[in-house]
Amino acid sequence: MEKHNANWIETHQRITQAVFKLWETTPLNRITIRAVCEEAHINRSTFYVHFDNIYSVTDEAVNAAHADLLDFCTRSAQNIKDP
């Protein structure tokens, strides 16, 4: 996994939060990069440093949630086996 500085991580999170905030009121296929950039207070080029498109933002979030859930289940199963 790549190492990133705190500013990069904070920007990445702002973009993700902006997409999910917009998604509350707008269908995903109608959310524009421009709207995300305005919501996240970034330039369009900054968006593309972090993501390829809107769907890559949601894909990353879903994959991270899936990995967290799998990790939780694995740890829970180990606790059941080894009390």
Protein backbone atom coordinates (compact mmCIF):
# COMPACT_ATOMS: atom_id res chain seq x y z
CA MET A 1 0.00 0.00 0.00
CA GLU A 2 1.22 3.47 -0.83
CA LYS A 3 2.19 5.84 1.95
CA HIS A 4 0.55 9.27 1.83
CA ASN A 5 0.96 12.38 3.90
CA ALA A 6 -1.78 13.74 6.16
CA ASN A 7 -2.85 16.40 3.64
CA TRP A 8 -3.33 13.79 0.88
CA ILE A 9 -5.34 11.57 3.22
CA GLU A 10 -7.52 14.48 4.36
CA THR A 11 -8.24 15.49 0.76
CA HIS A 12 -9.04 11.88 -0.18
CA GLN A 13 -11.51 11.68 2.72
CA ARG A 14 -13.11 15.03 1.80
CA ILE A 15 -13.71 13.78 -1.74
CA THR A 16 -15.31 10.58 -0.45
CA GLN A 17 -17.47 12.49 2.02
CA ALA A 18 -18.54 14.91 -0.71
CA VAL A 19 -19.66 12.08 -2.99
CA PHE A 20 -21.70 10.42 -0.25
CA LYS A 21 -23.22 13.75 0.83
CA LEU A 22 -24.29 14.50 -2.73
CA TRP A 23 -25.59 10.96 -3.12
CA GLU A 24 -28.11 11.64 -0.33
CA THR A 25 -30.03 13.94 -2.69
CA THR A 26 -28.80 13.04 -6.17
CA PRO A 27 -28.68 9.71 -7.99
CA LEU A 28 -25.10 8.53 -8.34
CA ASN A 29 -25.22 8.62 -12.12
CA ARG A 30 -26.21 12.33 -11.96
CA ILE A 31 -23.38 13.45 -9.64
CA THR A 32 -20.76 15.40 -11.55
CA ILE A 33 -17.06 15.75 -10.85
CA ARG A 34 -17.66 19.50 -10.77
CA ALA A 35 -20.27 19.15 -7.99
CA VAL A 36 -17.94 16.91 -5.99
CA CYS A 37 -15.09 19.39 -6.37
CA GLU A 38 -17.28 22.28 -5.26
CA GLU A 39 -18.51 20.31 -2.24
CA ALA A 40 -14.98 19.19 -1.30
CA HIS A 41 -13.44 22.61 -2.05
CA ILE A 42 -10.83 21.22 -4.42
CA ASN A 43 -9.78 21.68 -8.03
CA ARG A 44 -10.87 19.21 -10.69
CA SER A 45 -7.26 18.15 -11.26
CA THR A 46 -6.99 17.28 -7.56
CA PHE A 47 -9.97 14.96 -7.89
CA TYR A 48 -8.22 13.09 -10.70
CA VAL A 49 -5.04 12.71 -8.63
CA HIS A 50 -7.14 10.68 -6.20
CA PHE A 51 -9.78 8.97 -8.34
CA ASP A 52 -10.57 8.09 -11.96
CA ASN A 53 -14.29 8.84 -11.73
CA ILE A 54 -17.26 8.97 -9.34
CA TYR A 55 -17.66 5.21 -9.39
CA SER A 56 -14.07 4.65 -8.27
CA VAL A 57 -14.90 6.66 -5.13
CA THR A 58 -17.84 4.42 -4.25
CA ASP A 59 -15.96 1.27 -5.26
CA GLU A 60 -13.14 2.14 -2.89
CA ALA A 61 -15.55 2.84 -0.04
CA VAL A 62 -17.43 -0.43 -0.60
CA ASN A 63 -14.19 -2.42 -0.83
CA ALA A 64 -12.90 -0.84 2.40
CA ALA A 65 -16.17 -1.62 4.19
CA HIS A 66 -16.04 -5.20 2.90
CA ALA A 67 -12.46 -5.62 4.11
CA ASP A 68 -13.38 -4.21 7.54
CA LEU A 69 -16.35 -6.56 7.81
CA LEU A 70 -14.26 -9.56 6.78
CA ASP A 71 -11.59 -8.63 9.32
CA PHE A 72 -14.24 -8.26 12.04
CA CYS A 73 -15.76 -11.65 11.21
CA THR A 74 -12.34 -13.31 11.19
CA ARG A 75 -11.42 -11.84 14.58
CA SER A 76 -14.83 -12.78 16.01
CA ALA A 77 -14.47 -16.37 14.78
CA GLN A 78 -11.02 -16.59 16.36
CA ASN A 79 -12.44 -15.36 19.67
CA ILE A 80 -15.10 -18.07 19.56
CA LYS A 81 -12.46 -20.78 18.94
CA ASP A 82 -10.00 -19.44 21.50
CA PRO A 83 -11.98 -17.93 24.40
